[in-house]
Amino acid sequence: MRVEIARLDNNECKFAHEYAAGELVLDDDRVALAGAPRVSGHISRTGHKVVVEGEFAAIAQTECDRCLKAMELPISSEFRVEYVTAEAYLALETAELTDEDLALSIFDGEFIDVDEIVREQLLLAIPTHAICQESCKGFCPVCGTDRNVTDCNCNAAEIDPRWTGLKDLRF
């Protein structure tokens, strides 16, 4: 969904969209979308700055980092993104960047791509380490057995052979 800035009524507009299956492409091999992601919010323009505020909700499908089983994660978040044109950014002429300047994004001055914002915010909202349940035991590092299904008799406390000489030292 692209919003043309020149056509904003009174320098602002509201948007809401429910994506169809396959409409929003994440370009991430480890994550897929289940169901229809929803986004809503508004865009406002003041001078050379365009502010996009909104919220989204989706269900992401990923694998557990411990046992590799497929799992679904409900994800929702609010976002606020500020845009300026490249010319307006260069005109700021600040000697030092502030936290506010770091939050600015540069755009062409004509369109805001809401789909790209939602894609980026979805990927940021997905946890870096997804675990199906806190009690997930994962795989045995020695034999590869799924410890959630069956226990193995492997000695998982293997000692690195480079440290065996220290084993005999006692204080």
N, C-alpha and C. Protein backbone atom coordinates (compact mmCIF):
# COMPACT_ATOMS: atom_id res chain seq x y z
N MET A 1 0.85 -1.16 0.00
CA MET A 1 0.00 0.00 0.00
C MET A 1 0.90 1.24 0.00
N ARG A 2 0.80 1.99 -1.06
CA ARG A 2 1.59 3.21 -1.18
C ARG A 2 0.68 4.41 -1.01
N VAL A 3 1.13 5.38 -0.23
CA VAL A 3 0.36 6.59 0.00
C VAL A 3 1.08 7.75 -0.67
N GLU A 4 0.37 8.45 -1.55
CA GLU A 4 0.95 9.60 -2.23
C GLU A 4 0.81 10.82 -1.32
N ILE A 5 1.93 11.43 -0.99
CA ILE A 5 1.97 12.54 -0.04
C ILE A 5 1.23 13.76 -0.57
N ALA A 6 1.29 14.03 -1.85
CA ALA A 6 0.64 15.20 -2.43
C ALA A 6 -0.88 15.13 -2.30
N ARG A 7 -1.43 13.95 -2.12
CA ARG A 7 -2.89 13.79 -2.05
C ARG A 7 -3.43 13.68 -0.63
N LEU A 8 -2.63 14.00 0.36
CA LEU A 8 -3.11 13.96 1.74
C LEU A 8 -4.15 15.05 1.96
N ASP A 9 -5.31 14.69 2.53
CA ASP A 9 -6.33 15.68 2.85
C ASP A 9 -5.95 16.40 4.13
N ASN A 10 -5.86 17.72 4.07
CA ASN A 10 -5.47 18.53 5.24
C ASN A 10 -4.17 18.05 5.84
N ASN A 11 -3.26 17.59 4.99
CA ASN A 11 -1.94 17.11 5.40
C ASN A 11 -1.97 15.88 6.30
N GLU A 12 -3.05 15.11 6.25
CA GLU A 12 -3.08 13.85 7.00
C GLU A 12 -4.10 12.91 6.40
N CYS A 13 -3.91 11.63 6.70
CA CYS A 13 -4.87 10.60 6.29
C CYS A 13 -4.75 9.41 7.21
N LYS A 14 -5.82 8.64 7.28
CA LYS A 14 -5.83 7.42 8.07
C LYS A 14 -5.78 6.24 7.10
N PHE A 15 -5.25 5.13 7.60
CA PHE A 15 -5.20 3.93 6.77
C PHE A 15 -5.48 2.72 7.64
N ALA A 16 -6.03 1.70 7.02
CA ALA A 16 -6.26 0.40 7.65
C ALA A 16 -6.26 -0.63 6.53
N HIS A 17 -5.60 -1.74 6.78
CA HIS A 17 -5.50 -2.75 5.73
C HIS A 17 -5.32 -4.12 6.36
N GLU A 18 -6.02 -5.10 5.81
CA GLU A 18 -5.81 -6.49 6.17
C GLU A 18 -5.23 -7.18 4.95
N TYR A 19 -4.04 -7.72 5.10
CA TYR A 19 -3.32 -8.30 3.97
C TYR A 19 -3.88 -9.67 3.62
N ALA A 20 -3.94 -9.94 2.34
CA ALA A 20 -4.32 -11.27 1.85
C ALA A 20 -3.11 -12.19 1.96
N ALA A 21 -3.35 -13.47 1.86
CA ALA A 21 -2.26 -14.45 1.93
C ALA A 21 -1.27 -14.19 0.79
N GLY A 22 0.01 -14.07 1.14
CA GLY A 22 1.05 -13.86 0.16
C GLY A 22 1.23 -12.42 -0.29
N GLU A 23 0.39 -11.51 0.18
CA GLU A 23 0.50 -10.11 -0.23
C GLU A 23 1.69 -9.41 0.41
N LEU A 24 2.00 -9.75 1.64
CA LEU A 24 3.12 -9.15 2.35
C LEU A 24 4.27 -10.14 2.38
N VAL A 25 5.35 -9.85 1.67
CA VAL A 25 6.50 -10.74 1.56
C VAL A 25 7.55 -10.29 2.56
N LEU A 26 7.99 -11.19 3.45
CA LEU A 26 8.95 -10.85 4.48
C LEU A 26 10.40 -11.00 4.03
N ASP A 27 10.67 -11.80 3.03
CA ASP A 27 12.04 -12.06 2.56
C ASP A 27 12.94 -12.56 3.68
N ASP A 28 12.42 -13.47 4.48
CA ASP A 28 13.18 -14.07 5.58
C ASP A 28 12.86 -15.56 5.58
N ASP A 29 13.88 -16.40 5.40
CA ASP A 29 13.67 -17.84 5.28
C ASP A 29 13.17 -18.48 6.56
N ARG A 30 13.43 -17.89 7.70
CA ARG A 30 13.06 -18.52 8.96
C ARG A 30 11.69 -18.14 9.47
N VAL A 31 11.01 -17.20 8.79
CA VAL A 31 9.71 -16.72 9.26
C VAL A 31 8.71 -16.71 8.11
N ALA A 32 7.49 -17.14 8.40
CA ALA A 32 6.38 -17.05 7.46
C ALA A 32 5.19 -16.48 8.22
N LEU A 33 4.21 -15.98 7.49
CA LEU A 33 3.03 -15.42 8.12
C LEU A 33 1.88 -16.42 8.05
N ALA A 34 1.18 -16.55 9.16
CA ALA A 34 -0.02 -17.38 9.22
C ALA A 34 -1.21 -16.44 9.39
N GLY A 35 -2.23 -16.64 8.65
CA GLY A 35 -3.38 -15.76 8.75
C GLY A 35 -3.15 -14.46 8.00
N ALA A 36 -3.95 -13.47 8.33
CA ALA A 36 -3.90 -12.19 7.63
C ALA A 36 -3.41 -11.09 8.57
N PRO A 37 -2.21 -10.57 8.34
CA PRO A 37 -1.73 -9.45 9.16
C PRO A 37 -2.62 -8.22 8.96
N ARG A 38 -2.79 -7.45 10.02
CA ARG A 38 -3.59 -6.24 9.96
C ARG A 38 -2.74 -5.05 10.39
N VAL A 39 -2.97 -3.92 9.74
CA VAL A 39 -2.27 -2.69 10.10
C VAL A 39 -3.28 -1.55 10.04
N SER A 40 -3.11 -0.59 10.94
CA SER A 40 -3.93 0.62 10.91
C SER A 40 -3.10 1.75 11.49
N GLY A 41 -3.45 2.97 11.11
CA GLY A 41 -2.72 4.12 11.62
C GLY A 41 -3.06 5.37 10.85
N HIS A 42 -2.18 6.35 10.96
CA HIS A 42 -2.38 7.58 10.22
C HIS A 42 -1.05 8.20 9.82
N ILE A 43 -1.13 9.02 8.78
CA ILE A 43 0.03 9.72 8.24
C ILE A 43 -0.27 11.21 8.33
N SER A 44 0.69 11.96 8.82
CA SER A 44 0.52 13.42 8.88
C SER A 44 1.78 14.10 8.36
N ARG A 45 1.57 15.27 7.78
CA ARG A 45 2.69 16.03 7.23
C ARG A 45 2.70 17.41 7.87
N THR A 46 3.88 17.79 8.36
CA THR A 46 4.09 19.14 8.89
C THR A 46 5.38 19.67 8.27
N GLY A 47 5.25 20.65 7.43
CA GLY A 47 6.42 21.19 6.75
C GLY A 47 7.06 20.14 5.86
N HIS A 48 8.34 19.85 6.10
CA HIS A 48 9.06 18.86 5.30
C HIS A 48 9.07 17.48 5.95
N LYS A 49 8.44 17.35 7.11
CA LYS A 49 8.46 16.08 7.83
C LYS A 49 7.12 15.35 7.68
N VAL A 50 7.21 14.05 7.43
CA VAL A 50 6.03 13.19 7.35
C VAL A 50 6.14 12.15 8.47
N VAL A 51 5.09 12.03 9.27
CA VAL A 51 5.09 11.09 10.40
C VAL A 51 4.05 10.01 10.13
N VAL A 52 4.50 8.77 10.24
CA VAL A 52 3.61 7.61 10.09
C VAL A 52 3.53 6.93 11.44
N GLU A 53 2.32 6.85 12.00
CA GLU A 53 2.10 6.18 13.28
C GLU A 53 1.04 5.12 13.07
N GLY A 54 1.20 4.00 13.74
CA GLY A 54 0.21 2.95 13.60
C GLY A 54 0.50 1.76 14.47
N GLU A 55 -0.26 0.72 14.22
CA GLU A 55 -0.08 -0.54 14.94
C GLU A 55 -0.40 -1.68 13.99
N PHE A 56 0.18 -2.83 14.28
CA PHE A 56 -0.08 -4.01 13.46
C PHE A 56 -0.24 -5.22 14.36
N ALA A 57 -0.86 -6.23 13.80
CA ALA A 57 -1.01 -7.51 14.49
C ALA A 57 -0.88 -8.61 13.46
N ALA A 58 -0.18 -9.66 13.81
CA ALA A 58 0.04 -10.77 12.89
C ALA A 58 0.37 -12.02 13.69
N ILE A 59 0.35 -13.15 13.02
CA ILE A 59 0.81 -14.41 13.60
C ILE A 59 1.94 -14.92 12.71
N ALA A 60 3.10 -15.06 13.31
CA ALA A 60 4.28 -15.51 12.57
C ALA A 60 4.51 -16.99 12.83
N GLN A 61 4.92 -17.71 11.81
CA GLN A 61 5.31 -19.10 11.93
C GLN A 61 6.82 -19.18 11.85
N THR A 62 7.41 -19.84 12.81
CA THR A 62 8.86 -20.01 12.83
C THR A 62 9.17 -21.35 13.48
N GLU A 63 10.44 -21.67 13.63
CA GLU A 63 10.84 -22.91 14.28
C GLU A 63 11.41 -22.61 15.66
N CYS A 64 11.18 -23.54 16.57
CA CYS A 64 11.77 -23.44 17.90
C CYS A 64 13.28 -23.54 17.75
N ASP A 65 14.00 -22.67 18.43
CA ASP A 65 15.47 -22.69 18.34
C ASP A 65 16.10 -23.87 19.05
N ARG A 66 15.36 -24.56 19.88
CA ARG A 66 15.91 -25.72 20.60
C ARG A 66 15.57 -27.04 19.93
N CYS A 67 14.30 -27.21 19.50
CA CYS A 67 13.89 -28.52 18.97
C CYS A 67 13.48 -28.49 17.50
N LEU A 68 13.46 -27.32 16.88
CA LEU A 68 13.13 -27.13 15.47
C LEU A 68 11.70 -27.48 15.10
N LYS A 69 10.80 -27.57 16.07
CA LYS A 69 9.39 -27.80 15.77
C LYS A 69 8.75 -26.49 15.33
N ALA A 70 7.80 -26.60 14.39
CA ALA A 70 7.09 -25.41 13.92
C ALA A 70 6.24 -24.84 15.06
N MET A 71 6.21 -23.52 15.14
CA MET A 71 5.42 -22.87 16.17
C MET A 71 4.87 -21.56 15.63
N GLU A 72 3.80 -21.10 16.25
CA GLU A 72 3.19 -19.84 15.87
C GLU A 72 3.36 -18.83 16.99
N LEU A 73 3.72 -17.61 16.62
CA LEU A 73 3.91 -16.53 17.58
C LEU A 73 2.97 -15.38 17.25
N PRO A 74 2.08 -15.01 18.18
CA PRO A 74 1.29 -13.80 17.93
C PRO A 74 2.18 -12.58 18.13
N ILE A 75 2.14 -11.67 17.18
CA ILE A 75 2.98 -10.49 17.22
C ILE A 75 2.11 -9.26 17.02
N SER A 76 2.30 -8.28 17.87
CA SER A 76 1.64 -6.99 17.68
C SER A 76 2.55 -5.91 18.23
N SER A 77 2.47 -4.76 17.63
CA SER A 77 3.35 -3.68 18.05
C SER A 77 2.81 -2.36 17.51
N GLU A 78 3.23 -1.30 18.16
CA GLU A 78 2.95 0.04 17.68
C GLU A 78 4.23 0.59 17.07
N PHE A 79 4.09 1.49 16.11
CA PHE A 79 5.29 2.06 15.48
C PHE A 79 5.07 3.54 15.20
N ARG A 80 6.17 4.24 15.11
CA ARG A 80 6.20 5.65 14.71
C ARG A 80 7.47 5.85 13.89
N VAL A 81 7.29 6.28 12.65
CA VAL A 81 8.41 6.49 11.75
C VAL A 81 8.29 7.91 11.19
N GLU A 82 9.39 8.63 11.22
CA GLU A 82 9.42 10.00 10.69
C GLU A 82 10.27 10.02 9.43
N TYR A 83 9.75 10.70 8.41
CA TYR A 83 10.43 10.81 7.13
C TYR A 83 10.69 12.27 6.78
N VAL A 84 11.82 12.51 6.14
CA VAL A 84 12.12 13.80 5.53
C VAL A 84 12.74 13.52 4.16
N THR A 85 12.68 14.51 3.30
CA THR A 85 13.34 14.35 2.00
C THR A 85 14.84 14.52 2.19
N ALA A 86 15.60 14.08 1.23
CA ALA A 86 17.06 14.20 1.31
C ALA A 86 17.48 15.66 1.38
N GLU A 87 16.79 16.52 0.65
CA GLU A 87 17.11 17.95 0.67
C GLU A 87 16.86 18.55 2.05
N ALA A 88 15.75 18.18 2.68
CA ALA A 88 15.43 18.69 4.02
C ALA A 88 16.43 18.18 5.04
N TYR A 89 16.87 16.95 4.88
CA TYR A 89 17.85 16.39 5.81
C TYR A 89 19.19 17.12 5.70
N LEU A 90 19.62 17.40 4.48
CA LEU A 90 20.87 18.11 4.28
C LEU A 90 20.77 19.56 4.77
N ALA A 91 19.58 20.12 4.73
CA ALA A 91 19.40 21.50 5.17
C ALA A 91 19.46 21.64 6.69
N LEU A 92 19.36 20.54 7.42
CA LEU A 92 19.42 20.62 8.88
C LEU A 92 20.76 21.16 9.35
N GLU A 93 21.85 20.84 8.66
CA GLU A 93 23.19 21.33 8.94
C GLU A 93 23.55 21.29 10.41
N THR A 94 23.31 20.18 11.06
CA THR A 94 23.68 20.06 12.46
C THR A 94 25.09 19.53 12.57
N ALA A 95 25.79 20.02 13.54
CA ALA A 95 27.17 19.58 13.75
C ALA A 95 27.20 18.22 14.44
N GLU A 96 26.18 17.96 15.21
CA GLU A 96 26.13 16.71 15.96
C GLU A 96 24.74 16.10 15.81
N LEU A 97 24.69 14.80 15.58
CA LEU A 97 23.41 14.12 15.46
C LEU A 97 22.80 13.89 16.84
N THR A 98 21.52 14.16 16.95
CA THR A 98 20.80 13.90 18.20
C THR A 98 20.04 12.59 18.04
N ASP A 99 19.46 12.09 19.14
CA ASP A 99 18.65 10.87 19.07
C ASP A 99 17.47 11.06 18.13
N GLU A 100 16.93 12.27 18.09
CA GLU A 100 15.81 12.57 17.20
C GLU A 100 16.22 12.46 15.74
N ASP A 101 17.44 12.92 15.42
CA ASP A 101 17.94 12.83 14.04
C ASP A 101 18.16 11.39 13.62
N LEU A 102 18.55 10.52 14.55
CA LEU A 102 18.79 9.12 14.21
C LEU A 102 17.50 8.38 13.89
N ALA A 103 16.37 8.91 14.36
CA ALA A 103 15.08 8.27 14.10
C ALA A 103 14.50 8.68 12.75
N LEU A 104 15.11 9.63 12.07
CA LEU A 104 14.60 10.09 10.78
C LEU A 104 14.96 9.12 9.67
N SER A 105 14.02 8.94 8.77
CA SER A 105 14.27 8.17 7.56
C SER A 105 14.13 9.11 6.38
N ILE A 106 14.83 8.82 5.33
CA ILE A 106 14.79 9.67 4.15
C ILE A 106 13.94 8.99 3.08
N PHE A 107 13.09 9.80 2.41
CA PHE A 107 12.26 9.26 1.33
C PHE A 107 12.28 10.23 0.16
N ASP A 108 11.66 9.80 -0.95
CA ASP A 108 11.74 10.59 -2.17
C ASP A 108 10.84 11.81 -2.19
N GLY A 109 9.97 11.97 -1.20
CA GLY A 109 9.08 13.13 -1.14
C GLY A 109 7.75 12.92 -1.82
N GLU A 110 7.58 11.79 -2.50
CA GLU A 110 6.35 11.55 -3.24
C GLU A 110 5.45 10.49 -2.61
N PHE A 111 6.04 9.35 -2.21
CA PHE A 111 5.27 8.22 -1.72
C PHE A 111 5.82 7.71 -0.40
N ILE A 112 4.92 7.18 0.42
CA ILE A 112 5.29 6.41 1.61
C ILE A 112 4.79 4.99 1.38
N ASP A 113 5.67 4.02 1.48
CA ASP A 113 5.30 2.61 1.29
C ASP A 113 4.99 2.00 2.65
N VAL A 114 3.72 1.92 2.98
CA VAL A 114 3.29 1.38 4.28
C VAL A 114 3.63 -0.10 4.38
N ASP A 115 3.58 -0.83 3.30
CA ASP A 115 3.92 -2.26 3.31
C ASP A 115 5.35 -2.47 3.78
N GLU A 116 6.26 -1.62 3.34
CA GLU A 116 7.66 -1.75 3.74
C GLU A 116 7.83 -1.46 5.23
N ILE A 117 7.09 -0.50 5.74
CA ILE A 117 7.13 -0.20 7.18
C ILE A 117 6.64 -1.40 7.97
N VAL A 118 5.52 -1.98 7.55
CA VAL A 118 4.94 -3.13 8.25
C VAL A 118 5.89 -4.32 8.19
N ARG A 119 6.49 -4.58 7.04
CA ARG A 119 7.44 -5.68 6.90
C ARG A 119 8.61 -5.50 7.85
N GLU A 120 9.16 -4.31 7.89
CA GLU A 120 10.29 -4.02 8.76
C GLU A 120 9.91 -4.16 10.24
N GLN A 121 8.76 -3.64 10.61
CA GLN A 121 8.33 -3.69 12.00
C GLN A 121 8.00 -5.13 12.43
N LEU A 122 7.44 -5.92 11.52
CA LEU A 122 7.18 -7.34 11.81
C LEU A 122 8.48 -8.08 12.09
N LEU A 123 9.47 -7.88 11.25
CA LEU A 123 10.74 -8.58 11.44
C LEU A 123 11.43 -8.13 12.73
N LEU A 124 11.29 -6.86 13.08
CA LEU A 124 11.88 -6.38 14.33
C LEU A 124 11.16 -6.92 15.56
N ALA A 125 9.86 -7.21 15.42
CA ALA A 125 9.08 -7.69 16.56
C ALA A 125 9.26 -9.18 16.85
N ILE A 126 9.80 -9.92 15.90
CA ILE A 126 10.00 -11.35 16.10
C ILE A 126 11.20 -11.56 17.01
N PRO A 127 11.05 -12.34 18.06
CA PRO A 127 12.18 -12.53 18.98
C PRO A 127 13.35 -13.23 18.29
N THR A 128 14.55 -12.88 18.72
CA THR A 128 15.74 -13.48 18.11
C THR A 128 15.89 -14.95 18.49
N HIS A 129 15.39 -15.34 19.65
CA HIS A 129 15.44 -16.73 20.08
C HIS A 129 14.02 -17.17 20.42
N ALA A 130 13.38 -17.83 19.48
CA ALA A 130 12.02 -18.31 19.68
C ALA A 130 12.06 -19.71 20.26
N ILE A 131 11.35 -19.91 21.36
CA ILE A 131 11.32 -21.20 22.03
C ILE A 131 9.86 -21.61 22.19
N CYS A 132 9.55 -22.86 21.83
CA CYS A 132 8.17 -23.32 21.83
C CYS A 132 7.56 -23.33 23.23
N GLN A 133 8.35 -23.70 24.21
CA GLN A 133 7.91 -23.66 25.61
C GLN A 133 9.15 -23.61 26.49
N GLU A 134 9.00 -23.03 27.67
CA GLU A 134 10.15 -22.86 28.56
C GLU A 134 10.80 -24.20 28.93
N SER A 135 10.00 -25.25 28.99
CA SER A 135 10.53 -26.55 29.39
C SER A 135 11.11 -27.35 28.21
N CYS A 136 11.21 -26.75 27.03
CA CYS A 136 11.75 -27.45 25.86
C CYS A 136 13.20 -27.85 26.15
N LYS A 137 13.49 -29.14 25.95
CA LYS A 137 14.83 -29.67 26.23
C LYS A 137 15.73 -29.66 25.01
N GLY A 138 15.16 -29.54 23.81
CA GLY A 138 15.96 -29.49 22.60
C GLY A 138 16.56 -30.82 22.22
N PHE A 139 17.61 -30.78 21.41
CA PHE A 139 18.29 -31.98 20.94
C PHE A 139 19.51 -32.29 21.78
N CYS A 140 19.84 -33.56 21.87
CA CYS A 140 21.07 -33.98 22.54
C CYS A 140 22.25 -33.58 21.65
N PRO A 141 23.25 -32.89 22.20
CA PRO A 141 24.38 -32.46 21.38
C PRO A 141 25.27 -33.62 20.93
N VAL A 142 25.12 -34.80 21.55
CA VAL A 142 25.97 -35.94 21.21
C VAL A 142 25.31 -36.81 20.14
N CYS A 143 24.08 -37.28 20.39
CA CYS A 143 23.44 -38.22 19.46
C CYS A 143 22.34 -37.58 18.61
N GLY A 144 21.89 -36.39 18.96
CA GLY A 144 20.88 -35.70 18.16
C GLY A 144 19.45 -36.10 18.45
N THR A 145 19.21 -36.86 19.51
CA THR A 145 17.86 -37.28 19.87
C THR A 145 17.08 -36.09 20.41
N ASP A 146 15.80 -36.01 20.04
CA ASP A 146 14.92 -34.97 20.58
C ASP A 146 14.62 -35.34 22.02
N ARG A 147 15.13 -34.58 22.97
CA ARG A 147 14.97 -34.89 24.39
C ARG A 147 13.55 -34.67 24.88
N ASN A 148 12.71 -34.00 24.13
CA ASN A 148 11.31 -33.84 24.51
C ASN A 148 10.54 -35.14 24.29
N VAL A 149 11.00 -35.96 23.36
CA VAL A 149 10.32 -37.21 23.02
C VAL A 149 10.87 -38.36 23.84
N THR A 150 12.19 -38.47 23.91
CA THR A 150 12.81 -39.58 24.64
C THR A 150 14.12 -39.12 25.26
N ASP A 151 14.47 -39.75 26.37
CA ASP A 151 15.75 -39.45 27.01
C ASP A 151 16.82 -40.37 26.43
N CYS A 152 18.02 -39.84 26.32
CA CYS A 152 19.13 -40.66 25.86
C CYS A 152 20.12 -40.83 27.01
N ASN A 153 21.04 -41.75 26.87
CA ASN A 153 22.02 -42.03 27.92
C ASN A 153 23.39 -41.48 27.57
N CYS A 154 23.42 -40.44 26.76
CA CYS A 154 24.70 -39.85 26.35
C CYS A 154 25.27 -39.01 27.48
N ASN A 155 26.58 -38.94 27.49
CA ASN A 155 27.27 -38.08 28.44
C ASN A 155 27.40 -36.71 27.78
N ALA A 156 26.46 -35.83 28.04
CA ALA A 156 26.44 -34.51 27.40
C ALA A 156 27.52 -33.60 27.94
N ALA A 157 28.12 -33.99 29.06
CA ALA A 157 29.16 -33.16 29.66
C ALA A 157 30.53 -33.57 29.12
N GLU A 158 30.67 -33.60 27.80
CA GLU A 158 31.94 -33.92 27.19
C GLU A 158 32.97 -32.86 27.54
N ILE A 159 34.18 -33.31 27.80
CA ILE A 159 35.25 -32.38 28.14
C ILE A 159 36.11 -32.17 26.91
N ASP A 160 36.38 -30.93 26.64
CA ASP A 160 37.24 -30.59 25.52
C ASP A 160 38.62 -31.20 25.79
N PRO A 161 39.19 -31.97 24.85
CA PRO A 161 40.46 -32.65 25.10
C PRO A 161 41.60 -31.69 25.40
N ARG A 162 41.48 -30.45 25.03
CA ARG A 162 42.54 -29.49 25.33
C ARG A 162 42.60 -29.15 26.82
N TRP A 163 41.52 -29.46 27.57
CA TRP A 163 41.47 -29.13 28.99
C TRP A 163 41.69 -30.35 29.89
N THR A 164 41.91 -31.52 29.31
CA THR A 164 42.05 -32.73 30.13
C THR A 164 43.21 -32.67 31.10
N GLY A 165 44.26 -31.96 30.78
CA GLY A 165 45.40 -31.84 31.67
C GLY A 165 45.05 -31.10 32.96
N LEU A 166 44.07 -30.25 32.91
CA LEU A 166 43.67 -29.50 34.09
C LEU A 166 42.75 -30.32 35.01
N LYS A 167 42.22 -31.42 34.51
CA LYS A 167 41.28 -32.24 35.27
C LYS A 167 41.94 -32.79 36.53
N ASP A 168 43.22 -33.09 36.48
CA ASP A 168 43.92 -33.69 37.62
C ASP A 168 44.37 -32.66 38.65
N LEU A 169 44.31 -31.40 38.32
CA LEU A 169 44.73 -30.36 39.27
C LEU A 169 43.62 -30.10 40.30
N ARG A 170 43.95 -30.12 41.52
CA ARG A 170 42.98 -29.85 42.59
C ARG A 170 43.59 -28.80 43.52
N PHE A 171 42.78 -27.90 43.96
CA PHE A 171 43.25 -26.86 44.87
C PHE A 171 42.80 -27.13 46.28
